[in-house]
Amino acid sequence: PEPHCCLGGVSCCRVNKRRFVAMATTDLKGLLSLPQTTSVNLTKRGYEAVVLTSVNTAVRKLNVNDNALTSFGTLHTYAPNLSYLSASRNALTRAGIRDVHRLRKLVTLILSLNKIEKIPKSFSKMSNLQALILNGNNITKLPAGLAIPTLSALVLSKNAIRTVPATTLAGLPSLTKLSLSHNSLTEFPDVSRNRALRELRLNGNEITAVPAPVSYTHLR
């Protein structure tokens, strides 16, 4: 008998010495190409997958909000010069964003209102990232040891975060804005070493005590 295997989105694939046959279970609507312009807006197109087939070095800004994406596929291979990526209101999870750090030139990454439950530690490899927007996801904790020296804005409001490891914030020395509003925090995060921090939002949590202000005089 001929061997069989299962692939994502494939009901049956038959492999023998001469051929490979695959039958799709559903007709996914995929993002197949990007126009050769610097800014591309593809909101509300119903895209479920990124299946680019040719390299586009022109595009710098990509907006794919309000689609049904579960991952970015090989976007990093076919749009290597992206500096701005917005993918709010999709169906992205931690697994679906684990390779986004391969977009080496990203400066702004907006992933609001998805299903992300954890921030991948691989984000520490994003050496140019300045703004990371993750509000309205399912994040419960932040990874210890996250280090993004260039990051200046981190928005994590409306998640389910209970604690913020001091080692996480220590790895973000350029942070000027941190939003943790509407989470499940019970303790004030230790931002004493974040000397560049100017804006800290903590409303909508369950914090019962605020530390002595001597260590937080840099905040406005």
N, C-alpha and C. Protein backbone atom coordinates (compact mmCIF):
# COMPACT_ATOMS: atom_id res chain seq x y z
N PRO A 1 0.83 -1.20 0.00
CA PRO A 1 0.00 0.00 0.00
C PRO A 1 0.86 1.25 0.00
N GLU A 2 0.34 2.33 -0.60
CA GLU A 2 1.07 3.58 -0.67
C GLU A 2 0.99 4.30 0.67
N PRO A 3 2.11 4.89 1.17
CA PRO A 3 2.08 5.60 2.43
C PRO A 3 1.24 6.86 2.35
N HIS A 4 0.66 7.26 3.49
CA HIS A 4 -0.14 8.46 3.58
C HIS A 4 0.40 9.35 4.69
N CYS A 5 0.15 10.65 4.61
CA CYS A 5 0.52 11.56 5.68
C CYS A 5 -0.52 12.66 5.76
N CYS A 6 -0.53 13.37 6.86
CA CYS A 6 -1.48 14.46 7.06
C CYS A 6 -0.72 15.78 7.12
N LEU A 7 -1.23 16.78 6.44
CA LEU A 7 -0.65 18.12 6.45
C LEU A 7 -1.73 19.11 6.85
N GLY A 8 -1.29 20.27 7.35
CA GLY A 8 -2.27 21.28 7.72
C GLY A 8 -3.09 21.71 6.53
N GLY A 9 -4.43 21.66 6.66
CA GLY A 9 -5.32 22.05 5.58
C GLY A 9 -5.42 21.03 4.46
N VAL A 10 -4.90 19.81 4.69
CA VAL A 10 -4.91 18.78 3.66
C VAL A 10 -5.57 17.53 4.21
N SER A 11 -6.50 16.98 3.45
CA SER A 11 -7.21 15.80 3.93
C SER A 11 -6.42 14.52 3.68
N CYS A 12 -5.72 14.44 2.55
CA CYS A 12 -4.98 13.23 2.24
C CYS A 12 -3.87 13.56 1.27
N CYS A 13 -2.70 13.03 1.53
CA CYS A 13 -1.63 13.17 0.54
C CYS A 13 -1.02 11.80 0.30
N ARG A 14 -0.90 11.44 -0.93
CA ARG A 14 -0.42 10.12 -1.31
C ARG A 14 0.98 10.26 -1.88
N VAL A 15 1.90 9.50 -1.36
CA VAL A 15 3.28 9.58 -1.78
C VAL A 15 3.74 8.24 -2.33
N ASN A 16 4.28 8.24 -3.52
CA ASN A 16 4.91 7.04 -4.05
C ASN A 16 6.16 7.44 -4.81
N LYS A 17 6.73 6.58 -5.56
CA LYS A 17 7.99 6.87 -6.22
C LYS A 17 7.86 7.90 -7.33
N ARG A 18 6.65 8.13 -7.81
CA ARG A 18 6.51 8.97 -8.99
C ARG A 18 5.76 10.27 -8.75
N ARG A 19 4.97 10.34 -7.71
CA ARG A 19 4.11 11.51 -7.63
C ARG A 19 3.75 11.87 -6.20
N PHE A 20 3.26 13.09 -6.05
CA PHE A 20 2.74 13.57 -4.79
C PHE A 20 1.38 14.19 -5.09
N VAL A 21 0.34 13.71 -4.44
CA VAL A 21 -1.01 14.19 -4.68
C VAL A 21 -1.57 14.72 -3.38
N ALA A 22 -2.14 15.92 -3.40
CA ALA A 22 -2.73 16.50 -2.18
C ALA A 22 -4.11 17.05 -2.50
N MET A 23 -5.03 16.84 -1.58
CA MET A 23 -6.39 17.34 -1.74
C MET A 23 -6.71 18.24 -0.55
N ALA A 24 -7.03 19.49 -0.80
CA ALA A 24 -7.32 20.44 0.27
C ALA A 24 -8.69 20.20 0.85
N THR A 25 -8.79 20.32 2.17
CA THR A 25 -10.09 20.16 2.82
C THR A 25 -10.91 21.43 2.68
N THR A 26 -10.26 22.58 2.64
CA THR A 26 -10.97 23.84 2.51
C THR A 26 -10.23 24.72 1.51
N ASP A 27 -10.93 25.66 0.97
CA ASP A 27 -10.31 26.60 0.05
C ASP A 27 -9.92 27.85 0.83
N LEU A 28 -8.72 27.84 1.38
CA LEU A 28 -8.23 28.98 2.15
C LEU A 28 -8.02 30.17 1.22
N LYS A 29 -8.38 31.34 1.71
CA LYS A 29 -8.12 32.54 0.94
C LYS A 29 -6.76 33.07 1.37
N GLY A 30 -5.78 33.00 0.48
CA GLY A 30 -4.42 33.34 0.85
C GLY A 30 -3.94 34.64 0.24
N LEU A 31 -3.04 35.30 0.96
CA LEU A 31 -2.35 36.48 0.45
C LEU A 31 -1.21 36.00 -0.43
N LEU A 32 -1.35 36.13 -1.74
CA LEU A 32 -0.42 35.55 -2.69
C LEU A 32 0.69 36.49 -3.13
N SER A 33 0.43 37.79 -3.12
CA SER A 33 1.44 38.73 -3.61
C SER A 33 1.22 40.10 -2.99
N LEU A 34 2.26 40.92 -3.05
CA LEU A 34 2.20 42.29 -2.57
C LEU A 34 2.58 43.22 -3.71
N PRO A 35 1.88 44.35 -3.85
CA PRO A 35 2.25 45.30 -4.91
C PRO A 35 3.61 45.93 -4.62
N GLN A 36 4.28 46.34 -5.66
CA GLN A 36 5.62 46.92 -5.53
C GLN A 36 5.53 48.39 -5.14
N THR A 37 4.99 48.63 -3.93
CA THR A 37 4.92 49.99 -3.38
C THR A 37 5.44 49.94 -1.95
N THR A 38 5.73 51.10 -1.39
CA THR A 38 6.31 51.12 -0.05
C THR A 38 5.27 50.87 1.04
N SER A 39 4.00 51.24 0.79
CA SER A 39 2.95 51.09 1.79
C SER A 39 1.79 50.30 1.20
N VAL A 40 1.38 49.24 1.91
CA VAL A 40 0.32 48.36 1.40
C VAL A 40 -0.76 48.19 2.48
N ASN A 41 -2.01 48.45 2.10
CA ASN A 41 -3.13 48.30 3.02
C ASN A 41 -4.05 47.19 2.51
N LEU A 42 -4.14 46.10 3.27
CA LEU A 42 -4.95 44.95 2.87
C LEU A 42 -5.93 44.56 3.99
N THR A 43 -6.60 45.54 4.53
CA THR A 43 -7.56 45.28 5.60
C THR A 43 -8.85 44.69 5.04
N LYS A 44 -9.50 43.87 5.86
CA LYS A 44 -10.82 43.31 5.55
C LYS A 44 -10.88 42.64 4.18
N ARG A 45 -9.90 41.79 3.93
CA ARG A 45 -9.89 41.04 2.66
C ARG A 45 -10.24 39.57 2.87
N GLY A 46 -10.39 39.16 4.10
CA GLY A 46 -10.74 37.76 4.37
C GLY A 46 -9.56 36.80 4.27
N TYR A 47 -8.33 37.31 4.30
CA TYR A 47 -7.16 36.44 4.18
C TYR A 47 -7.04 35.51 5.39
N GLU A 48 -6.77 34.24 5.11
CA GLU A 48 -6.60 33.25 6.17
C GLU A 48 -5.16 32.73 6.25
N ALA A 49 -4.37 33.02 5.23
CA ALA A 49 -2.99 32.53 5.22
C ALA A 49 -2.12 33.45 4.37
N VAL A 50 -0.83 33.48 4.71
CA VAL A 50 0.15 34.22 3.91
C VAL A 50 0.94 33.20 3.10
N VAL A 51 0.76 33.24 1.81
CA VAL A 51 1.41 32.27 0.92
C VAL A 51 2.08 33.00 -0.23
N LEU A 52 2.92 33.96 0.12
CA LEU A 52 3.64 34.73 -0.90
C LEU A 52 4.59 33.82 -1.67
N THR A 53 4.78 34.15 -2.92
CA THR A 53 5.63 33.31 -3.77
C THR A 53 6.77 34.07 -4.43
N SER A 54 6.82 35.39 -4.24
CA SER A 54 7.91 36.16 -4.84
C SER A 54 8.38 37.23 -3.86
N VAL A 55 9.66 37.54 -3.93
CA VAL A 55 10.26 38.50 -3.01
C VAL A 55 9.87 39.92 -3.40
N ASN A 56 9.50 40.71 -2.39
CA ASN A 56 9.16 42.11 -2.60
C ASN A 56 10.03 42.94 -1.64
N THR A 57 11.00 43.64 -2.19
CA THR A 57 11.89 44.45 -1.36
C THR A 57 11.45 45.90 -1.27
N ALA A 58 10.37 46.25 -1.96
CA ALA A 58 9.89 47.63 -1.99
C ALA A 58 9.03 47.96 -0.78
N VAL A 59 8.19 47.02 -0.36
CA VAL A 59 7.23 47.31 0.70
C VAL A 59 7.92 47.49 2.04
N ARG A 60 7.56 48.60 2.71
CA ARG A 60 8.10 48.90 4.04
C ARG A 60 7.00 48.86 5.10
N LYS A 61 5.78 49.18 4.70
CA LYS A 61 4.66 49.25 5.64
C LYS A 61 3.53 48.35 5.16
N LEU A 62 3.08 47.44 6.03
CA LEU A 62 2.02 46.50 5.66
C LEU A 62 0.94 46.49 6.73
N ASN A 63 -0.30 46.70 6.29
CA ASN A 63 -1.46 46.68 7.18
C ASN A 63 -2.37 45.54 6.75
N VAL A 64 -2.52 44.53 7.61
CA VAL A 64 -3.40 43.39 7.32
C VAL A 64 -4.41 43.22 8.45
N ASN A 65 -4.88 44.34 8.99
CA ASN A 65 -5.88 44.29 10.05
C ASN A 65 -7.19 43.69 9.55
N ASP A 66 -7.96 43.15 10.49
CA ASP A 66 -9.32 42.67 10.20
C ASP A 66 -9.35 41.60 9.12
N ASN A 67 -8.47 40.61 9.26
CA ASN A 67 -8.52 39.43 8.41
C ASN A 67 -8.72 38.20 9.30
N ALA A 68 -8.32 37.05 8.85
CA ALA A 68 -8.49 35.82 9.65
C ALA A 68 -7.17 35.05 9.70
N LEU A 69 -6.05 35.77 9.73
CA LEU A 69 -4.74 35.13 9.72
C LEU A 69 -4.45 34.41 11.04
N THR A 70 -3.88 33.21 10.93
CA THR A 70 -3.44 32.47 12.11
C THR A 70 -1.92 32.45 12.21
N SER A 71 -1.23 32.86 11.15
CA SER A 71 0.23 32.98 11.18
C SER A 71 0.65 33.90 10.05
N PHE A 72 1.95 34.25 10.07
CA PHE A 72 2.51 35.09 9.00
C PHE A 72 3.23 34.27 7.95
N GLY A 73 3.21 32.96 8.09
CA GLY A 73 3.84 32.11 7.10
C GLY A 73 5.30 32.49 6.88
N THR A 74 5.68 32.65 5.65
CA THR A 74 7.06 33.03 5.32
C THR A 74 7.16 34.50 4.90
N LEU A 75 6.37 35.34 5.56
CA LEU A 75 6.40 36.78 5.26
C LEU A 75 7.81 37.33 5.38
N HIS A 76 8.56 36.82 6.34
CA HIS A 76 9.92 37.32 6.56
C HIS A 76 10.84 37.03 5.36
N THR A 77 10.51 36.00 4.60
CA THR A 77 11.33 35.65 3.44
C THR A 77 10.99 36.52 2.24
N TYR A 78 9.70 36.82 2.06
CA TYR A 78 9.26 37.49 0.85
C TYR A 78 9.02 38.99 1.01
N ALA A 79 9.07 39.50 2.24
CA ALA A 79 8.98 40.95 2.45
C ALA A 79 10.02 41.35 3.49
N PRO A 80 11.30 41.17 3.19
CA PRO A 80 12.37 41.30 4.18
C PRO A 80 12.63 42.72 4.67
N ASN A 81 12.11 43.73 3.96
CA ASN A 81 12.41 45.11 4.34
C ASN A 81 11.30 45.79 5.12
N LEU A 82 10.33 45.03 5.59
CA LEU A 82 9.24 45.62 6.38
C LEU A 82 9.78 46.29 7.63
N SER A 83 9.34 47.51 7.86
CA SER A 83 9.68 48.20 9.11
C SER A 83 8.43 48.45 9.95
N TYR A 84 7.26 48.31 9.35
CA TYR A 84 5.99 48.52 10.05
C TYR A 84 5.03 47.41 9.66
N LEU A 85 4.51 46.70 10.66
CA LEU A 85 3.56 45.62 10.40
C LEU A 85 2.42 45.72 11.39
N SER A 86 1.21 45.86 10.88
CA SER A 86 0.01 45.93 11.72
C SER A 86 -0.92 44.79 11.33
N ALA A 87 -1.25 43.95 12.32
CA ALA A 87 -2.11 42.79 12.06
C ALA A 87 -3.12 42.62 13.20
N SER A 88 -3.77 43.70 13.54
CA SER A 88 -4.78 43.66 14.59
C SER A 88 -6.04 42.95 14.10
N ARG A 89 -6.78 42.41 15.06
CA ARG A 89 -8.06 41.76 14.78
C ARG A 89 -7.93 40.64 13.74
N ASN A 90 -7.02 39.70 14.05
CA ASN A 90 -6.90 38.48 13.29
C ASN A 90 -7.10 37.31 14.26
N ALA A 91 -6.51 36.17 13.99
CA ALA A 91 -6.62 35.00 14.88
C ALA A 91 -5.24 34.46 15.21
N LEU A 92 -4.29 35.36 15.38
CA LEU A 92 -2.90 34.98 15.63
C LEU A 92 -2.70 34.48 17.06
N THR A 93 -1.89 33.43 17.19
CA THR A 93 -1.51 32.89 18.49
C THR A 93 0.02 33.00 18.62
N ARG A 94 0.54 32.54 19.75
CA ARG A 94 1.99 32.56 19.94
C ARG A 94 2.70 31.77 18.84
N ALA A 95 2.15 30.61 18.49
CA ALA A 95 2.77 29.79 17.45
C ALA A 95 2.77 30.52 16.11
N GLY A 96 1.76 31.31 15.86
CA GLY A 96 1.65 32.00 14.58
C GLY A 96 2.57 33.19 14.43
N ILE A 97 3.15 33.67 15.55
CA ILE A 97 4.04 34.84 15.46
C ILE A 97 5.48 34.50 15.83
N ARG A 98 5.77 33.23 16.01
CA ARG A 98 7.09 32.85 16.52
C ARG A 98 8.23 33.17 15.56
N ASP A 99 7.94 33.33 14.27
CA ASP A 99 9.00 33.63 13.31
C ASP A 99 9.05 35.11 12.91
N VAL A 100 8.21 35.93 13.54
CA VAL A 100 8.17 37.34 13.13
C VAL A 100 9.48 38.05 13.45
N HIS A 101 10.26 37.50 14.37
CA HIS A 101 11.56 38.12 14.68
C HIS A 101 12.52 38.07 13.49
N ARG A 102 12.20 37.24 12.50
CA ARG A 102 13.04 37.16 11.30
C ARG A 102 12.88 38.39 10.40
N LEU A 103 11.87 39.20 10.69
CA LEU A 103 11.75 40.48 10.00
C LEU A 103 12.71 41.44 10.69
N ARG A 104 13.95 41.40 10.30
CA ARG A 104 15.04 42.06 11.01
C ARG A 104 14.92 43.58 11.07
N LYS A 105 14.18 44.17 10.13
CA LYS A 105 14.12 45.63 10.06
C LYS A 105 12.86 46.21 10.71
N LEU A 106 12.06 45.38 11.35
CA LEU A 106 10.83 45.87 11.97
C LEU A 106 11.12 46.90 13.06
N VAL A 107 10.41 48.01 12.97
CA VAL A 107 10.48 49.06 13.98
C VAL A 107 9.18 49.10 14.80
N THR A 108 8.06 48.88 14.12
CA THR A 108 6.75 48.91 14.77
C THR A 108 6.00 47.62 14.47
N LEU A 109 5.51 46.97 15.54
CA LEU A 109 4.75 45.73 15.40
C LEU A 109 3.46 45.86 16.20
N ILE A 110 2.32 45.82 15.51
CA ILE A 110 1.02 45.99 16.15
C ILE A 110 0.22 44.70 15.99
N LEU A 111 -0.08 44.05 17.12
CA LEU A 111 -0.78 42.76 17.10
C LEU A 111 -1.96 42.79 18.07
N SER A 112 -2.67 43.88 18.12
CA SER A 112 -3.80 44.03 19.03
C SER A 112 -4.95 43.10 18.68
N LEU A 113 -5.69 42.70 19.70
CA LEU A 113 -6.96 41.98 19.51
C LEU A 113 -6.78 40.70 18.69
N ASN A 114 -5.83 39.87 19.13
CA ASN A 114 -5.65 38.55 18.56
C ASN A 114 -5.85 37.51 19.66
N LYS A 115 -5.22 36.36 19.55
CA LYS A 115 -5.37 35.30 20.54
C LYS A 115 -4.01 34.88 21.12
N ILE A 116 -3.10 35.81 21.16
CA ILE A 116 -1.74 35.54 21.62
C ILE A 116 -1.72 35.32 23.13
N GLU A 117 -1.17 34.19 23.57
CA GLU A 117 -1.16 33.87 24.99
C GLU A 117 0.20 34.09 25.64
N LYS A 118 1.25 34.19 24.84
CA LYS A 118 2.60 34.42 25.36
C LYS A 118 3.39 35.25 24.35
N ILE A 119 4.35 36.01 24.88
CA ILE A 119 5.28 36.72 24.01
C ILE A 119 6.48 35.81 23.77
N PRO A 120 6.76 35.44 22.54
CA PRO A 120 7.91 34.56 22.27
C PRO A 120 9.22 35.19 22.73
N LYS A 121 10.09 34.39 23.34
CA LYS A 121 11.40 34.90 23.76
C LYS A 121 12.24 35.30 22.56
N SER A 122 11.88 34.77 21.39
CA SER A 122 12.63 35.11 20.18
C SER A 122 12.50 36.58 19.82
N PHE A 123 11.54 37.29 20.43
CA PHE A 123 11.40 38.72 20.17
C PHE A 123 12.66 39.48 20.60
N SER A 124 13.45 38.87 21.48
CA SER A 124 14.70 39.50 21.91
C SER A 124 15.68 39.67 20.75
N LYS A 125 15.43 38.97 19.66
CA LYS A 125 16.30 39.06 18.49
C LYS A 125 15.93 40.23 17.57
N MET A 126 14.88 40.96 17.92
CA MET A 126 14.41 42.06 17.07
C MET A 126 15.19 43.33 17.44
N SER A 127 16.32 43.49 16.82
CA SER A 127 17.29 44.52 17.22
C SER A 127 16.91 45.94 16.84
N ASN A 128 15.86 46.12 16.04
CA ASN A 128 15.43 47.47 15.64
C ASN A 128 14.05 47.84 16.16
N LEU A 129 13.40 46.95 16.88
CA LEU A 129 12.02 47.18 17.31
C LEU A 129 11.92 48.31 18.33
N GLN A 130 11.02 49.25 18.07
CA GLN A 130 10.82 50.38 18.97
C GLN A 130 9.42 50.40 19.59
N ALA A 131 8.44 49.84 18.92
CA ALA A 131 7.07 49.84 19.44
C ALA A 131 6.44 48.46 19.28
N LEU A 132 5.96 47.91 20.39
CA LEU A 132 5.30 46.61 20.39
C LEU A 132 3.94 46.76 21.04
N ILE A 133 2.88 46.57 20.26
CA ILE A 133 1.51 46.80 20.71
C ILE A 133 0.77 45.45 20.75
N LEU A 134 0.40 45.02 21.97
CA LEU A 134 -0.21 43.70 22.15
C LEU A 134 -1.47 43.77 23.01
N ASN A 135 -2.16 44.88 23.01
CA ASN A 135 -3.36 45.00 23.83
C ASN A 135 -4.49 44.10 23.31
N GLY A 136 -5.32 43.65 24.24
CA GLY A 136 -6.49 42.86 23.85
C GLY A 136 -6.17 41.45 23.41
N ASN A 137 -5.17 40.81 24.03
CA ASN A 137 -4.85 39.42 23.74
C ASN A 137 -5.14 38.55 24.96
N ASN A 138 -4.52 37.38 25.04
CA ASN A 138 -4.76 36.45 26.15
C ASN A 138 -3.50 36.22 26.98
N ILE A 139 -2.62 37.19 27.02
CA ILE A 139 -1.34 37.05 27.71
C ILE A 139 -1.54 37.04 29.22
N THR A 140 -0.96 36.04 29.90
CA THR A 140 -1.09 35.94 31.36
C THR A 140 0.20 36.29 32.09
N LYS A 141 1.33 36.18 31.42
CA LYS A 141 2.60 36.53 32.05
C LYS A 141 3.60 36.93 30.99
N LEU A 142 4.64 37.63 31.44
CA LEU A 142 5.69 38.07 30.53
C LEU A 142 6.91 37.17 30.71
N PRO A 143 7.63 36.91 29.63
CA PRO A 143 8.80 36.03 29.74
C PRO A 143 9.94 36.69 30.50
N ALA A 144 10.51 35.97 31.43
CA ALA A 144 11.68 36.47 32.14
C ALA A 144 12.86 36.50 31.18
N GLY A 145 13.65 37.53 31.26
CA GLY A 145 14.82 37.60 30.41
C GLY A 145 14.58 38.19 29.03
N LEU A 146 13.37 38.70 28.79
CA LEU A 146 13.11 39.35 27.51
C LEU A 146 14.01 40.59 27.40
N ALA A 147 14.74 40.70 26.31
CA ALA A 147 15.68 41.82 26.16
C ALA A 147 15.55 42.43 24.78
N ILE A 148 14.97 43.64 24.73
CA ILE A 148 14.85 44.38 23.48
C ILE A 148 15.36 45.79 23.78
N PRO A 149 16.66 46.02 23.66
CA PRO A 149 17.26 47.29 24.07
C PRO A 149 16.70 48.52 23.38
N THR A 150 16.17 48.37 22.16
CA THR A 150 15.70 49.51 21.40
C THR A 150 14.23 49.85 21.68
N LEU A 151 13.51 49.00 22.39
CA LEU A 151 12.06 49.16 22.55
C LEU A 151 11.74 50.38 23.41
N SER A 152 10.90 51.29 22.89
CA SER A 152 10.52 52.48 23.64
C SER A 152 9.06 52.48 24.07
N ALA A 153 8.21 51.72 23.39
CA ALA A 153 6.79 51.67 23.75
C ALA A 153 6.30 50.23 23.80
N LEU A 154 5.72 49.84 24.93
CA LEU A 154 5.18 48.50 25.10
C LEU A 154 3.77 48.63 25.65
N VAL A 155 2.79 48.20 24.87
CA VAL A 155 1.39 48.30 25.25
C VAL A 155 0.81 46.91 25.45
N LEU A 156 0.41 46.61 26.69
CA LEU A 156 -0.10 45.29 27.06
C LEU A 156 -1.44 45.39 27.78
N SER A 157 -2.16 46.45 27.57
CA SER A 157 -3.44 46.64 28.24
C SER A 157 -4.47 45.61 27.78
N LYS A 158 -5.42 45.33 28.66
CA LYS A 158 -6.53 44.42 28.39
C LYS A 158 -6.07 43.01 28.03
N ASN A 159 -5.15 42.49 28.86
CA ASN A 159 -4.77 41.09 28.82
C ASN A 159 -5.16 40.46 30.15
N ALA A 160 -4.45 39.45 30.59
CA ALA A 160 -4.75 38.82 31.88
C ALA A 160 -3.45 38.63 32.67
N ILE A 161 -2.57 39.62 32.58
CA ILE A 161 -1.24 39.54 33.20
C ILE A 161 -1.35 39.69 34.72
N ARG A 162 -0.73 38.75 35.44
CA ARG A 162 -0.79 38.74 36.90
C ARG A 162 0.48 39.29 37.53
N THR A 163 1.62 39.01 36.91
CA THR A 163 2.90 39.48 37.46
C THR A 163 3.80 39.97 36.32
N VAL A 164 4.72 40.85 36.68
CA VAL A 164 5.70 41.35 35.71
C VAL A 164 7.09 41.11 36.30
N PRO A 165 7.83 40.14 35.80
CA PRO A 165 9.17 39.87 36.34
C PRO A 165 10.09 41.08 36.20
N ALA A 166 10.83 41.37 37.26
CA ALA A 166 11.76 42.49 37.22
C ALA A 166 12.80 42.30 36.13
N THR A 167 13.15 41.03 35.86
CA THR A 167 14.16 40.76 34.83
C THR A 167 13.66 41.11 33.44
N THR A 168 12.34 41.06 33.25
CA THR A 168 11.78 41.43 31.96
C THR A 168 11.96 42.92 31.71
N LEU A 169 11.57 43.73 32.67
CA LEU A 169 11.67 45.18 32.50
C LEU A 169 13.12 45.64 32.47
N ALA A 170 13.99 44.93 33.14
CA ALA A 170 15.41 45.29 33.13
C ALA A 170 16.02 45.16 31.75
N GLY A 171 15.42 44.31 30.92
CA GLY A 171 15.92 44.11 29.57
C GLY A 171 15.35 45.10 28.56
N LEU A 172 14.64 46.13 29.07
CA LEU A 172 14.03 47.13 28.20
C LEU A 172 14.49 48.52 28.64
N PRO A 173 15.77 48.81 28.53
CA PRO A 173 16.32 50.05 29.07
C PRO A 173 15.86 51.34 28.38
N SER A 174 15.36 51.23 27.14
CA SER A 174 14.95 52.42 26.39
C SER A 174 13.46 52.71 26.52
N LEU A 175 12.76 51.94 27.35
CA LEU A 175 11.31 52.06 27.47
C LEU A 175 10.90 53.44 27.99
N THR A 176 10.06 54.13 27.23
CA THR A 176 9.51 55.42 27.68
C THR A 176 8.03 55.33 27.99
N LYS A 177 7.34 54.34 27.40
CA LYS A 177 5.91 54.16 27.66
C LYS A 177 5.62 52.69 27.93
N LEU A 178 4.93 52.43 29.04
CA LEU A 178 4.51 51.07 29.40
C LEU A 178 3.06 51.11 29.84
N SER A 179 2.21 50.41 29.12
CA SER A 179 0.79 50.34 29.47
C SER A 179 0.43 48.93 29.89
N LEU A 180 0.02 48.79 31.15
CA LEU A 180 -0.43 47.52 31.71
C LEU A 180 -1.83 47.66 32.28
N SER A 181 -2.58 48.61 31.80
CA SER A 181 -3.92 48.85 32.32
C SER A 181 -4.86 47.69 32.00
N HIS A 182 -5.83 47.49 32.89
CA HIS A 182 -6.86 46.47 32.71
C HIS A 182 -6.27 45.06 32.56
N ASN A 183 -5.44 44.71 33.54
CA ASN A 183 -4.93 43.35 33.65
C ASN A 183 -5.33 42.80 35.02
N SER A 184 -4.53 41.87 35.55
CA SER A 184 -4.85 41.27 36.86
C SER A 184 -3.70 41.45 37.85
N LEU A 185 -2.99 42.55 37.73
CA LEU A 185 -1.85 42.81 38.59
C LEU A 185 -2.29 43.10 40.02
N THR A 186 -1.55 42.57 40.97
CA THR A 186 -1.80 42.87 42.39
C THR A 186 -0.64 43.64 43.00
N GLU A 187 0.50 43.67 42.32
CA GLU A 187 1.68 44.37 42.80
C GLU A 187 2.16 45.39 41.78
N PHE A 188 2.70 46.46 42.29
CA PHE A 188 3.26 47.50 41.45
C PHE A 188 4.52 46.96 40.76
N PRO A 189 4.62 47.03 39.45
CA PRO A 189 5.82 46.50 38.77
C PRO A 189 7.06 47.30 39.13
N ASP A 190 8.18 46.63 39.19
CA ASP A 190 9.45 47.27 39.53
C ASP A 190 10.04 47.94 38.30
N VAL A 191 9.82 49.24 38.19
CA VAL A 191 10.34 50.00 37.06
C VAL A 191 11.46 50.94 37.50
N SER A 192 12.03 50.66 38.66
CA SER A 192 13.06 51.54 39.21
C SER A 192 14.30 51.64 38.33
N ARG A 193 14.54 50.59 37.53
CA ARG A 193 15.72 50.60 36.67
C ARG A 193 15.42 51.11 35.26
N ASN A 194 14.16 51.40 35.00
CA ASN A 194 13.78 51.91 33.69
C ASN A 194 13.82 53.44 33.73
N ARG A 195 15.03 53.98 33.71
CA ARG A 195 15.21 55.41 33.92
C ARG A 195 14.69 56.27 32.78
N ALA A 196 14.45 55.68 31.62
CA ALA A 196 13.91 56.44 30.50
C ALA A 196 12.39 56.50 30.53
N LEU A 197 11.76 55.72 31.40
CA LEU A 197 10.30 55.62 31.44
C LEU A 197 9.66 56.94 31.86
N ARG A 198 8.68 57.38 31.08
CA ARG A 198 7.98 58.62 31.37
C ARG A 198 6.48 58.41 31.54
N GLU A 199 5.96 57.33 30.98
CA GLU A 199 4.51 57.09 31.06
C GLU A 199 4.25 55.65 31.47
N LEU A 200 3.53 55.48 32.59
CA LEU A 200 3.19 54.16 33.12
C LEU A 200 1.71 54.12 33.41
N ARG A 201 1.00 53.22 32.75
CA ARG A 201 -0.45 53.10 32.93
C ARG A 201 -0.79 51.78 33.63
N LEU A 202 -1.46 51.90 34.80
CA LEU A 202 -1.79 50.72 35.61
C LEU A 202 -3.26 50.70 36.03
N ASN A 203 -4.08 51.57 35.50
CA ASN A 203 -5.48 51.61 35.90
C ASN A 203 -6.19 50.32 35.51
N GLY A 204 -7.20 49.97 36.27
CA GLY A 204 -7.97 48.76 35.96
C GLY A 204 -7.32 47.48 36.43
N ASN A 205 -6.43 47.57 37.44
CA ASN A 205 -5.81 46.38 38.03
C ASN A 205 -6.29 46.22 39.48
N GLU A 206 -5.63 45.35 40.23
CA GLU A 206 -6.02 45.10 41.62
C GLU A 206 -4.87 45.42 42.57
N ILE A 207 -4.09 46.43 42.23
CA ILE A 207 -2.94 46.84 43.03
C ILE A 207 -3.43 47.53 44.31
N THR A 208 -2.94 47.07 45.44
CA THR A 208 -3.40 47.59 46.72
C THR A 208 -2.40 48.51 47.39
N ALA A 209 -1.15 48.50 46.93
CA ALA A 209 -0.14 49.35 47.54
C ALA A 209 0.80 49.90 46.48
N VAL A 210 1.23 51.12 46.70
CA VAL A 210 2.17 51.78 45.80
C VAL A 210 3.48 52.00 46.56
N PRO A 211 4.62 51.62 45.98
CA PRO A 211 5.90 51.77 46.68
C PRO A 211 6.25 53.23 46.92
N ALA A 212 7.21 53.43 47.78
CA ALA A 212 7.69 54.78 48.07
C ALA A 212 8.13 55.46 46.78
N PRO A 213 7.80 56.72 46.60
CA PRO A 213 8.07 57.40 45.32
C PRO A 213 9.52 57.71 45.05
N VAL A 214 10.41 57.48 46.04
CA VAL A 214 11.79 57.88 45.87
C VAL A 214 12.44 57.23 44.65
N SER A 215 12.01 56.00 44.34
CA SER A 215 12.61 55.28 43.21
C SER A 215 11.92 55.55 41.89
N TYR A 216 10.86 56.35 41.92
CA TYR A 216 10.06 56.54 40.71
C TYR A 216 9.91 58.02 40.35
N THR A 217 10.87 58.82 40.75
CA THR A 217 10.78 60.24 40.47
C THR A 217 10.94 60.56 38.99
N HIS A 218 11.42 59.59 38.21
CA HIS A 218 11.57 59.84 36.77
C HIS A 218 10.25 59.77 36.02
N LEU A 219 9.20 59.26 36.68
CA LEU A 219 7.90 59.16 36.04
C LEU A 219 7.16 60.49 36.11
N ARG A 220 6.35 60.72 35.07
CA ARG A 220 5.55 61.96 35.05
C ARG A 220 4.08 61.61 35.23
